[in-house]
């Protein structure tokens, strides 16, 4: 929301100092004029008292106004610094991933030319996703000013047709501990009972970004009661962002998940979190899509 012209005028340093100085002089002058505070003999006592109270109220209101603006300005400056660091991190990581991928894919192409065999041990999508997840983690850490972040990528398993399974193929977090479902293939077809929220999102096939704030709301969608062994995660997550990755806007091929833990915050509200997601996470999601299509291209066969 844009500030009014009057609000911006009040925030000018010269106006601020002048107003506060004048009010201090007025309050001091009225206090002196009150004399012995004799309301019986002083005919102007009530007028001076009202003027004193009015001046004091205006002075307090201005102090609150300027104090609030200073806090907001400091927060904005802090956010801008974090965002600048995040932009630097974003560019550096994309360059690094592209260089590493280009080098490894060149090696794979040489092997294909020399032996006619496709060997994805040197480079593959899952390996590249680890670097991309670390990139998202570092960017989010800069934005939040906290390392209490977890990032995961869930991919569509298209080794069989039609594809009915997904698995968490890469992650990044502060502890470097693997999630319990890492690498486990899970069916997301409607006829199978639900078990995890990412399954719900693959089933729905929605391309919308999902943002959930508050540990109670997150606990509800994660449904810990249905996954007793994961109940220790309750009240642990404060914010959750899920970004679907689509191929040609038709088929969901992946899901990028970012979670803020404990007191870490990606933004103060849904709108701020969405703004961060659109600026930083969505561009990264296209990198995941590009890497996915690159692996598909390497595995493609004529006919």
C-alpha atoms as a PDB file:
ATOM      1  CA  UNK A   1       0.000   0.000   0.000  1.00  0.00           C
ATOM      2  CA  UNK A   2       1.383   3.388  -1.002  1.00  0.00           C
ATOM      3  CA  UNK A   3       1.823   5.954   1.731  1.00  0.00           C
ATOM      4  CA  UNK A   4      -0.025   9.263   1.529  1.00  0.00           C
ATOM      5  CA  UNK A   5       1.778  12.454   0.546  1.00  0.00           C
ATOM      6  CA  UNK A   6       1.177  13.826   4.044  1.00  0.00           C
ATOM      7  CA  UNK A   7       2.748  10.757   5.666  1.00  0.00           C
ATOM      8  CA  UNK A   8       5.809  11.046   3.434  1.00  0.00           C
ATOM      9  CA  UNK A   9       6.011  14.775   4.226  1.00  0.00           C
ATOM     10  CA  UNK A  10       5.925  14.056   7.970  1.00  0.00           C
ATOM     11  CA  UNK A  11       8.829  11.613   7.589  1.00  0.00           C
ATOM     12  CA  UNK A  12      11.193  14.210   6.163  1.00  0.00           C
ATOM     13  CA  UNK A  13      14.054  14.709   8.656  1.00  0.00           C
ATOM     14  CA  UNK A  14      13.649  18.503   8.684  1.00  0.00           C
ATOM     15  CA  UNK A  15       9.886  18.276   9.305  1.00  0.00           C
ATOM     16  CA  UNK A  16      10.339  15.621  11.988  1.00  0.00           C
ATOM     17  CA  UNK A  17      12.979  17.581  13.933  1.00  0.00           C
ATOM     18  CA  UNK A  18      11.065  20.840  13.570  1.00  0.00           C
ATOM     19  CA  UNK A  19       7.729  19.421  14.752  1.00  0.00           C
ATOM     20  CA  UNK A  20       9.184  17.608  17.758  1.00  0.00           C
ATOM     21  CA  UNK A  21      11.283  20.639  18.777  1.00  0.00           C
ATOM     22  CA  UNK A  22       8.312  23.021  18.516  1.00  0.00           C
ATOM     23  CA  UNK A  23       6.090  20.688  20.546  1.00  0.00           C
ATOM     24  CA  UNK A  24       8.756  20.383  23.262  1.00  0.00           C
ATOM     25  CA  UNK A  25       8.968  24.190  23.447  1.00  0.00           C
ATOM     26  CA  UNK A  26       5.175  24.518  23.545  1.00  0.00           C
ATOM     27  CA  UNK A  27       4.818  21.914  26.295  1.00  0.00           C
ATOM     28  CA  UNK A  28       7.622  23.531  28.287  1.00  0.00           C
ATOM     29  CA  UNK A  29       6.094  27.007  27.824  1.00  0.00           C
ATOM     30  CA  UNK A  30       2.632  25.873  28.915  1.00  0.00           C
ATOM     31  CA  UNK A  31       4.073  24.124  31.977  1.00  0.00           C
ATOM     32  CA  UNK A  32       5.812  27.386  32.942  1.00  0.00           C
ATOM     33  CA  UNK A  33       2.603  29.345  32.319  1.00  0.00           C
ATOM     34  CA  UNK A  34       0.695  27.033  34.636  1.00  0.00           C
ATOM     35  CA  UNK A  35       2.549  28.646  37.540  1.00  0.00           C
ATOM     36  CA  UNK A  36       1.381  27.137  40.802  1.00  0.00           C
ATOM     37  CA  UNK A  37      -1.426  25.211  39.076  1.00  0.00           C
ATOM     38  CA  UNK A  38      -4.066  27.274  40.897  1.00  0.00           C
ATOM     39  CA  UNK A  39      -7.308  26.342  39.160  1.00  0.00           C
ATOM     40  CA  UNK A  40      -9.374  28.605  41.458  1.00  0.00           C
ATOM     41  CA  UNK A  41      -7.587  31.922  40.972  1.00  0.00           C
ATOM     42  CA  UNK A  42      -6.155  31.329  37.523  1.00  0.00           C
ATOM     43  CA  UNK A  43      -8.943  32.140  35.044  1.00  0.00           C
ATOM     44  CA  UNK A  44      -6.999  30.572  32.165  1.00  0.00           C
ATOM     45  CA  UNK A  45      -6.155  27.404  34.081  1.00  0.00           C
ATOM     46  CA  UNK A  46      -8.458  25.053  32.107  1.00  0.00           C
ATOM     47  CA  UNK A  47      -7.491  26.544  28.754  1.00  0.00           C
ATOM     48  CA  UNK A  48      -3.814  26.066  29.541  1.00  0.00           C
ATOM     49  CA  UNK A  49      -4.460  22.551  30.858  1.00  0.00           C
ATOM     50  CA  UNK A  50      -6.348  21.559  27.700  1.00  0.00           C
ATOM     51  CA  UNK A  51      -3.573  23.042  25.572  1.00  0.00           C
ATOM     52  CA  UNK A  52      -0.985  21.128  27.591  1.00  0.00           C
ATOM     53  CA  UNK A  53      -2.853  17.821  27.315  1.00  0.00           C
ATOM     54  CA  UNK A  54      -3.494  18.372  23.599  1.00  0.00           C
ATOM     55  CA  UNK A  55       0.146  19.193  22.909  1.00  0.00           C
ATOM     56  CA  UNK A  56       1.302  16.180  24.921  1.00  0.00           C
ATOM     57  CA  UNK A  57      -1.066  13.877  23.004  1.00  0.00           C
ATOM     58  CA  UNK A  58       0.152  15.201  19.644  1.00  0.00           C
ATOM     59  CA  UNK A  59       3.755  14.788  20.822  1.00  0.00           C
ATOM     60  CA  UNK A  60       3.144  11.165  21.916  1.00  0.00           C
ATOM     61  CA  UNK A  61       1.304  10.353  18.665  1.00  0.00           C
ATOM     62  CA  UNK A  62       4.218  11.717  16.644  1.00  0.00           C
ATOM     63  CA  UNK A  63       6.717   9.729  18.723  1.00  0.00           C
ATOM     64  CA  UNK A  64       4.721   6.538  18.119  1.00  0.00           C
ATOM     65  CA  UNK A  65       4.407   7.378  14.405  1.00  0.00           C
ATOM     66  CA  UNK A  66       8.125   8.022  13.962  1.00  0.00           C
ATOM     67  CA  UNK A  67       9.063   5.021  16.111  1.00  0.00           C
ATOM     68  CA  UNK A  68       6.850   2.716  14.022  1.00  0.00           C
ATOM     69  CA  UNK A  69       8.243   4.105  10.772  1.00  0.00           C
ATOM     70  CA  UNK A  70      11.825   3.652  11.978  1.00  0.00           C
ATOM     71  CA  UNK A  71      11.139   0.019  12.923  1.00  0.00           C
ATOM     72  CA  UNK A  72       9.492  -0.593   9.536  1.00  0.00           C
ATOM     73  CA  UNK A  73      12.338   1.125   7.712  1.00  0.00           C
ATOM     74  CA  UNK A  74      14.909  -0.980   9.554  1.00  0.00           C
ATOM     75  CA  UNK A  75      12.934  -4.106   8.646  1.00  0.00           C
ATOM     76  CA  UNK A  76      12.719  -3.031   4.990  1.00  0.00           C
ATOM     77  CA  UNK A  77      16.453  -2.348   4.907  1.00  0.00           C
ATOM     78  CA  UNK A  78      17.118  -5.769   6.445  1.00  0.00           C
ATOM     79  CA  UNK A  79      14.800  -7.451   3.912  1.00  0.00           C
ATOM     80  CA  UNK A  80      16.485  -5.653   1.010  1.00  0.00           C
ATOM     81  CA  UNK A  81      19.920  -6.714   2.241  1.00  0.00           C
ATOM     82  CA  UNK A  82      18.763 -10.322   2.539  1.00  0.00           C
ATOM     83  CA  UNK A  83      17.162 -10.186  -0.898  1.00  0.00           C
ATOM     84  CA  UNK A  84      20.329  -8.752  -2.452  1.00  0.00           C
ATOM     85  CA  UNK A  85      22.300 -11.616  -0.914  1.00  0.00           C
ATOM     86  CA  UNK A  86      19.673 -14.052  -2.195  1.00  0.00           C
ATOM     87  CA  UNK A  87      19.919 -12.635  -5.734  1.00  0.00           C
ATOM     88  CA  UNK A  88      23.706 -12.972  -5.642  1.00  0.00           C
ATOM     89  CA  UNK A  89      23.330 -16.533  -4.368  1.00  0.00           C
ATOM     90  CA  UNK A  90      20.714 -17.323  -7.029  1.00  0.00           C
ATOM     91  CA  UNK A  91      22.911 -16.161  -9.914  1.00  0.00           C
ATOM     92  CA  UNK A  92      26.047 -17.818  -8.538  1.00  0.00           C
ATOM     93  CA  UNK A  93      24.252 -21.130  -7.996  1.00  0.00           C
ATOM     94  CA  UNK A  94      22.616 -21.172 -11.423  1.00  0.00           C
ATOM     95  CA  UNK A  95      25.973 -20.466 -13.074  1.00  0.00           C
ATOM     96  CA  UNK A  96      27.635 -23.191 -10.998  1.00  0.00           C
ATOM     97  CA  UNK A  97      24.929 -25.776 -11.741  1.00  0.00           C
ATOM     98  CA  UNK A  98      24.951 -24.957 -15.460  1.00  0.00           C
ATOM     99  CA  UNK A  99      28.755 -25.220 -15.692  1.00  0.00           C
ATOM    100  CA  UNK A 100      28.877 -28.494 -13.768  1.00  0.00           C
ATOM    101  CA  UNK A 101      25.963 -29.938 -15.739  1.00  0.00           C
ATOM    102  CA  UNK A 102      27.450 -28.892 -19.089  1.00  0.00           C
ATOM    103  CA  UNK A 103      30.773 -30.507 -18.204  1.00  0.00           C
ATOM    104  CA  UNK A 104      29.233 -33.792 -17.010  1.00  0.00           C
ATOM    105  CA  UNK A 105      26.742 -34.030 -19.887  1.00  0.00           C
ATOM    106  CA  UNK A 106      29.575 -33.482 -22.374  1.00  0.00           C
ATOM    107  CA  UNK A 107      31.316 -36.497 -20.843  1.00  0.00           C
ATOM    108  CA  UNK A 108      28.125 -38.583 -21.145  1.00  0.00           C
ATOM    109  CA  UNK A 109      27.708 -37.564 -24.806  1.00  0.00           C
ATOM    110  CA  UNK A 110      31.315 -38.567 -25.545  1.00  0.00           C
ATOM    111  CA  UNK A 111      30.669 -41.959 -23.941  1.00  0.00           C
ATOM    112  CA  UNK A 112      27.565 -42.415 -26.085  1.00  0.00           C
ATOM    113  CA  UNK A 113      29.508 -41.537 -29.227  1.00  0.00           C
ATOM    114  CA  UNK A 114      32.449 -43.799 -28.380  1.00  0.00           C
ATOM    115  CA  UNK A 115      30.647 -46.859 -27.041  1.00  0.00           C
ATOM    116  CA  UNK A 116      27.025 -46.407 -28.043  1.00  0.00           C
ATOM    117  CA  UNK A 117      26.074 -46.960 -24.390  1.00  0.00           C
ATOM    118  CA  UNK A 118      24.104 -44.474 -22.308  1.00  0.00           C
ATOM    119  CA  UNK A 119      25.753 -44.346 -18.887  1.00  0.00           C
ATOM    120  CA  UNK A 120      24.132 -41.922 -16.475  1.00  0.00           C
ATOM    121  CA  UNK A 121      26.554 -42.618 -13.635  1.00  0.00           C
ATOM    122  CA  UNK A 122      28.539 -39.506 -14.569  1.00  0.00           C
ATOM    123  CA  UNK A 123      25.473 -37.282 -14.672  1.00  0.00           C
ATOM    124  CA  UNK A 124      21.793 -37.851 -14.028  1.00  0.00           C
ATOM    125  CA  UNK A 125      18.764 -35.867 -12.993  1.00  0.00           C
ATOM    126  CA  UNK A 126      18.788 -37.021  -9.375  1.00  0.00           C
ATOM    127  CA  UNK A 127      22.419 -35.987  -8.982  1.00  0.00           C
ATOM    128  CA  UNK A 128      21.732 -32.576 -10.508  1.00  0.00           C
ATOM    129  CA  UNK A 129      18.697 -32.122  -8.231  1.00  0.00           C
ATOM    130  CA  UNK A 130      20.933 -32.348  -5.159  1.00  0.00           C
ATOM    131  CA  UNK A 131      22.842 -29.271  -6.323  1.00  0.00           C
ATOM    132  CA  UNK A 132      19.593 -27.483  -7.199  1.00  0.00           C
ATOM    133  CA  UNK A 133      18.123 -28.241  -3.744  1.00  0.00           C
ATOM    134  CA  UNK A 134      21.255 -26.880  -2.072  1.00  0.00           C
ATOM    135  CA  UNK A 135      20.844 -23.773  -4.190  1.00  0.00           C
ATOM    136  CA  UNK A 136      17.241 -23.274  -3.026  1.00  0.00           C
ATOM    137  CA  UNK A 137      18.321 -23.937   0.561  1.00  0.00           C
ATOM    138  CA  UNK A 138      21.096 -21.302   0.445  1.00  0.00           C
ATOM    139  CA  UNK A 139      18.799 -18.738  -1.152  1.00  0.00           C
ATOM    140  CA  UNK A 140      16.056 -19.352   1.433  1.00  0.00           C
ATOM    141  CA  UNK A 141      18.599 -19.183   4.248  1.00  0.00           C
ATOM    142  CA  UNK A 142      19.648 -15.716   3.059  1.00  0.00           C
ATOM    143  CA  UNK A 143      16.054 -14.542   2.808  1.00  0.00           C
ATOM    144  CA  UNK A 144      15.076 -15.872   6.251  1.00  0.00           C
ATOM    145  CA  UNK A 145      18.309 -14.974   7.992  1.00  0.00           C
ATOM    146  CA  UNK A 146      18.126 -18.472   9.475  1.00  0.00           C
ATOM    147  CA  UNK A 147      19.495 -21.903   8.624  1.00  0.00           C
ATOM    148  CA  UNK A 148      16.383 -23.580  10.073  1.00  0.00           C
ATOM    149  CA  UNK A 149      15.139 -24.478   6.598  1.00  0.00           C
ATOM    150  CA  UNK A 150      14.456 -27.733   4.766  1.00  0.00           C
ATOM    151  CA  UNK A 151      14.156 -28.214   1.018  1.00  0.00           C
ATOM    152  CA  UNK A 152      13.049 -31.337  -0.861  1.00  0.00           C
ATOM    153  CA  UNK A 153      12.268 -32.271  -4.439  1.00  0.00           C
ATOM    154  CA  UNK A 154       9.813 -35.017  -5.322  1.00  0.00           C
ATOM    155  CA  UNK A 155       9.994 -36.320  -8.890  1.00  0.00           C
ATOM    156  CA  UNK A 156       7.689 -38.309 -11.070  1.00  0.00           C
ATOM    157  CA  UNK A 157       9.032 -41.790 -11.701  1.00  0.00           C
ATOM    158  CA  UNK A 158       8.544 -42.198 -15.429  1.00  0.00           C
ATOM    159  CA  UNK A 159      10.551 -45.397 -15.785  1.00  0.00           C
ATOM    160  CA  UNK A 160       7.229 -47.154 -16.306  1.00  0.00           C
ATOM    161  CA  UNK A 161       4.311 -46.130 -18.487  1.00  0.00           C
ATOM    162  CA  UNK A 162       1.914 -44.817 -17.472  1.00  0.00           C
ATOM    163  CA  UNK A 163       3.777 -43.138 -14.612  1.00  0.00           C
ATOM    164  CA  UNK A 164       2.030 -43.831 -11.299  1.00  0.00           C
ATOM    165  CA  UNK A 165       4.842 -43.439  -8.798  1.00  0.00           C
ATOM    166  CA  UNK A 166       6.812 -40.592  -7.247  1.00  0.00           C
ATOM    167  CA  UNK A 167       9.843 -40.448  -4.996  1.00  0.00           C
ATOM    168  CA  UNK A 168      11.813 -37.867  -3.061  1.00  0.00           C
ATOM    169  CA  UNK A 169      15.080 -37.782  -4.973  1.00  0.00           C
ATOM    170  CA  UNK A 170      16.973 -34.872  -3.371  1.00  0.00           C
ATOM    171  CA  UNK A 171      16.982 -32.653  -0.306  1.00  0.00           C
ATOM    172  CA  UNK A 172      18.930 -30.014   1.593  1.00  0.00           C
ATOM    173  CA  UNK A 173      18.747 -29.090   5.254  1.00  0.00           C
ATOM    174  CA  UNK A 174      20.850 -27.864   8.148  1.00  0.00           C
ATOM    175  CA  UNK A 175      21.568 -31.307   9.598  1.00  0.00           C
ATOM    176  CA  UNK A 176      22.173 -33.130   6.275  1.00  0.00           C
ATOM    177  CA  UNK A 177      19.961 -35.945   7.587  1.00  0.00           C
ATOM    178  CA  UNK A 178      18.002 -37.829   4.940  1.00  0.00           C
ATOM    179  CA  UNK A 179      14.203 -37.697   5.149  1.00  0.00           C
ATOM    180  CA  UNK A 180      12.711 -41.082   6.048  1.00  0.00           C
ATOM    181  CA  UNK A 181      10.991 -41.391   2.663  1.00  0.00           C
ATOM    182  CA  UNK A 182      14.086 -40.531   0.623  1.00  0.00           C
ATOM    183  CA  UNK A 183      14.268 -42.713  -2.514  1.00  0.00           C
ATOM    184  CA  UNK A 184      11.131 -44.678  -1.631  1.00  0.00           C
ATOM    185  CA  UNK A 185       8.759 -44.978  -4.565  1.00  0.00           C
ATOM    186  CA  UNK A 186       5.140 -44.290  -3.690  1.00  0.00           C
ATOM    187  CA  UNK A 187       2.032 -44.791  -5.789  1.00  0.00           C
ATOM    188  CA  UNK A 188      -0.178 -41.727  -6.163  1.00  0.00           C
ATOM    189  CA  UNK A 189      -3.068 -43.306  -8.080  1.00  0.00           C
ATOM    190  CA  UNK A 190      -6.546 -42.673  -6.711  1.00  0.00           C
ATOM    191  CA  UNK A 191      -7.185 -46.331  -5.872  1.00  0.00           C
ATOM    192  CA  UNK A 192      -4.374 -46.379  -3.276  1.00  0.00           C
ATOM    193  CA  UNK A 193      -4.830 -44.935   0.216  1.00  0.00           C
ATOM    194  CA  UNK A 194      -3.268 -41.563   0.921  1.00  0.00           C
ATOM    195  CA  UNK A 195      -0.132 -41.354   3.037  1.00  0.00           C
ATOM    196  CA  UNK A 196       1.728 -38.087   2.399  1.00  0.00           C
ATOM    197  CA  UNK A 197       0.785 -34.583   1.367  1.00  0.00           C
ATOM    198  CA  UNK A 198       2.953 -34.649  -1.760  1.00  0.00           C
ATOM    199  CA  UNK A 199       0.838 -37.592  -2.919  1.00  0.00           C
ATOM    200  CA  UNK A 200      -2.261 -35.394  -2.527  1.00  0.00           C
ATOM    201  CA  UNK A 201      -0.666 -32.682  -4.655  1.00  0.00           C
ATOM    202  CA  UNK A 202       0.330 -35.087  -7.425  1.00  0.00           C
ATOM    203  CA  UNK A 203      -3.182 -36.522  -7.374  1.00  0.00           C
ATOM    204  CA  UNK A 204      -4.805 -33.104  -7.641  1.00  0.00           C
ATOM    205  CA  UNK A 205      -2.539 -32.098 -10.524  1.00  0.00           C
ATOM    206  CA  UNK A 206      -2.932 -28.425  -9.604  1.00  0.00           C
ATOM    207  CA  UNK A 207      -0.335 -25.985 -10.906  1.00  0.00           C
ATOM    208  CA  UNK A 208      -1.018 -23.472  -8.117  1.00  0.00           C
ATOM    209  CA  UNK A 209       1.625 -22.626  -5.531  1.00  0.00           C
ATOM    210  CA  UNK A 210       0.547 -23.867  -2.101  1.00  0.00           C
ATOM    211  CA  UNK A 211       1.444 -21.814   0.956  1.00  0.00           C
ATOM    212  CA  UNK A 212       0.551 -22.888   4.490  1.00  0.00           C
ATOM    213  CA  UNK A 213       1.463 -20.814   7.549  1.00  0.00           C
ATOM    214  CA  UNK A 214       1.285 -21.922  11.185  1.00  0.00           C
ATOM    215  CA  UNK A 215       2.313 -25.255  12.671  1.00  0.00           C
ATOM    216  CA  UNK A 216      -1.279 -26.270  13.409  1.00  0.00           C
ATOM    217  CA  UNK A 217      -2.354 -25.706   9.800  1.00  0.00           C
ATOM    218  CA  UNK A 218       0.699 -27.585   8.541  1.00  0.00           C
ATOM    219  CA  UNK A 219       0.092 -30.442  10.979  1.00  0.00           C
ATOM    220  CA  UNK A 220      -3.445 -30.742   9.623  1.00  0.00           C
ATOM    221  CA  UNK A 221      -2.370 -31.203   6.000  1.00  0.00           C
ATOM    222  CA  UNK A 222       0.534 -33.490   6.949  1.00  0.00           C
ATOM    223  CA  UNK A 223      -1.950 -35.703   8.873  1.00  0.00           C
ATOM    224  CA  UNK A 224       0.457 -37.112  11.461  1.00  0.00           C
ATOM    225  CA  UNK A 225      -2.268 -39.244  12.998  1.00  0.00           C
ATOM    226  CA  UNK A 226      -2.137 -41.378   9.849  1.00  0.00           C
ATOM    227  CA  UNK A 227       1.645 -41.651  10.005  1.00  0.00           C
ATOM    228  CA  UNK A 228       2.346 -42.405  13.634  1.00  0.00           C
ATOM    229  CA  UNK A 229       6.070 -42.828  13.164  1.00  0.00           C
ATOM    230  CA  UNK A 230       6.358 -39.190  12.090  1.00  0.00           C
ATOM    231  CA  UNK A 231       4.450 -37.680  15.011  1.00  0.00           C
ATOM    232  CA  UNK A 232       7.707 -36.251  16.385  1.00  0.00           C
ATOM    233  CA  UNK A 233       7.520 -33.624  13.620  1.00  0.00           C
ATOM    234  CA  UNK A 234       4.357 -32.052  15.034  1.00  0.00           C
ATOM    235  CA  UNK A 235       4.592 -28.334  15.914  1.00  0.00           C
ATOM    236  CA  UNK A 236       7.986 -28.314  14.199  1.00  0.00           C
ATOM    237  CA  UNK A 237       7.119 -26.570  10.929  1.00  0.00           C
ATOM    238  CA  UNK A 238       6.100 -22.918  10.838  1.00  0.00           C
ATOM    239  CA  UNK A 239       5.733 -22.320   7.083  1.00  0.00           C
ATOM    240  CA  UNK A 240       5.337 -24.588   4.069  1.00  0.00           C
ATOM    241  CA  UNK A 241       5.646 -23.776   0.358  1.00  0.00           C
ATOM    242  CA  UNK A 242       4.970 -26.271  -2.436  1.00  0.00           C
ATOM    243  CA  UNK A 243       5.698 -25.413  -6.074  1.00  0.00           C
ATOM    244  CA  UNK A 244       4.496 -27.895  -8.709  1.00  0.00           C
ATOM    245  CA  UNK A 245       6.757 -28.398 -11.734  1.00  0.00           C
ATOM    246  CA  UNK A 246       4.845 -28.964 -14.973  1.00  0.00           C
ATOM    247  CA  UNK A 247       5.948 -30.107 -18.424  1.00  0.00           C
ATOM    248  CA  UNK A 248       4.213 -28.091 -21.163  1.00  0.00           C
ATOM    249  CA  UNK A 249       1.679 -26.984 -18.536  1.00  0.00           C
ATOM    250  CA  UNK A 250       0.071 -30.391 -18.913  1.00  0.00           C
ATOM    251  CA  UNK A 251       1.815 -33.032 -16.825  1.00  0.00           C
ATOM    252  CA  UNK A 252       3.120 -32.593 -13.286  1.00  0.00           C
ATOM    253  CA  UNK A 253       6.637 -34.011 -13.269  1.00  0.00           C
ATOM    254  CA  UNK A 254       7.923 -32.725  -9.939  1.00  0.00           C
ATOM    255  CA  UNK A 255       7.257 -30.884  -6.721  1.00  0.00           C
ATOM    256  CA  UNK A 256       9.602 -28.426  -5.006  1.00  0.00           C
ATOM    257  CA  UNK A 257       8.929 -28.169  -1.257  1.00  0.00           C
ATOM    258  CA  UNK A 258      10.395 -25.555   1.090  1.00  0.00           C
ATOM    259  CA  UNK A 259       9.734 -25.674   4.832  1.00  0.00           C
ATOM    260  CA  UNK A 260      10.641 -23.150   7.519  1.00  0.00           C
ATOM    261  CA  UNK A 261      11.166 -24.780  10.908  1.00  0.00           C
ATOM    262  CA  UNK A 262      10.623 -23.491  14.428  1.00  0.00           C
ATOM    263  CA  UNK A 263      10.975 -19.663  14.469  1.00  0.00           C
ATOM    264  CA  UNK A 264      12.308 -19.253  10.925  1.00  0.00           C
ATOM    265  CA  UNK A 265      10.061 -17.248   8.585  1.00  0.00           C
ATOM    266  CA  UNK A 266      10.134 -16.877   4.824  1.00  0.00           C
ATOM    267  CA  UNK A 267       7.709 -13.955   5.196  1.00  0.00           C
ATOM    268  CA  UNK A 268       5.418 -12.452   7.822  1.00  0.00           C
ATOM    269  CA  UNK A 269       2.230 -13.430   5.990  1.00  0.00           C
ATOM    270  CA  UNK A 270       0.952 -15.355   2.974  1.00  0.00           C
ATOM    271  CA  UNK A 271       1.401 -12.400   0.620  1.00  0.00           C
ATOM    272  CA  UNK A 272       5.058 -11.923   1.605  1.00  0.00           C
ATOM    273  CA  UNK A 273       5.765 -15.649   1.287  1.00  0.00           C
ATOM    274  CA  UNK A 274       4.079 -15.716  -2.129  1.00  0.00           C
ATOM    275  CA  UNK A 275       6.172 -12.764  -3.282  1.00  0.00           C
ATOM    276  CA  UNK A 276       9.361 -14.563  -2.247  1.00  0.00           C
ATOM    277  CA  UNK A 277       8.167 -17.761  -3.952  1.00  0.00           C
ATOM    278  CA  UNK A 278       7.459 -15.960  -7.220  1.00  0.00           C
ATOM    279  CA  UNK A 279      10.791 -14.107  -7.173  1.00  0.00           C
ATOM    280  CA  UNK A 280      13.100 -16.914  -6.122  1.00  0.00           C
ATOM    281  CA  UNK A 281      11.500 -20.366  -5.962  1.00  0.00           C
ATOM    282  CA  UNK A 282       9.534 -20.395  -9.216  1.00  0.00           C
ATOM    283  CA  UNK A 283      12.613 -19.498 -11.321  1.00  0.00           C
ATOM    284  CA  UNK A 284      14.443 -22.358  -9.601  1.00  0.00           C
ATOM    285  CA  UNK A 285      11.559 -24.723 -10.384  1.00  0.00           C
ATOM    286  CA  UNK A 286      12.183 -24.111 -14.099  1.00  0.00           C
ATOM    287  CA  UNK A 287      15.774 -25.165 -13.558  1.00  0.00           C
ATOM    288  CA  UNK A 288      14.499 -28.497 -12.199  1.00  0.00           C
ATOM    289  CA  UNK A 289      12.309 -28.815 -15.299  1.00  0.00           C
ATOM    290  CA  UNK A 290      15.240 -28.082 -17.606  1.00  0.00           C
ATOM    291  CA  UNK A 291      17.398 -30.706 -15.887  1.00  0.00           C
ATOM    292  CA  UNK A 292      14.552 -33.226 -16.104  1.00  0.00           C
ATOM    293  CA  UNK A 293      14.138 -32.631 -19.837  1.00  0.00           C
ATOM    294  CA  UNK A 294      17.892 -32.906 -20.324  1.00  0.00           C
ATOM    295  CA  UNK A 295      17.930 -36.404 -18.835  1.00  0.00           C
ATOM    296  CA  UNK A 296      14.912 -37.359 -20.937  1.00  0.00           C
ATOM    297  CA  UNK A 297      16.761 -36.155 -24.037  1.00  0.00           C
ATOM    298  CA  UNK A 298      19.797 -38.263 -23.229  1.00  0.00           C
ATOM    299  CA  UNK A 299      17.594 -41.353 -22.793  1.00  0.00           C
ATOM    300  CA  UNK A 300      15.475 -40.729 -25.896  1.00  0.00           C
ATOM    301  CA  UNK A 301      15.654 -43.387 -28.625  1.00  0.00           C
ATOM    302  CA  UNK A 302      14.615 -43.050 -32.268  1.00  0.00           C
ATOM    303  CA  UNK A 303      11.166 -44.522 -32.970  1.00  0.00           C
END
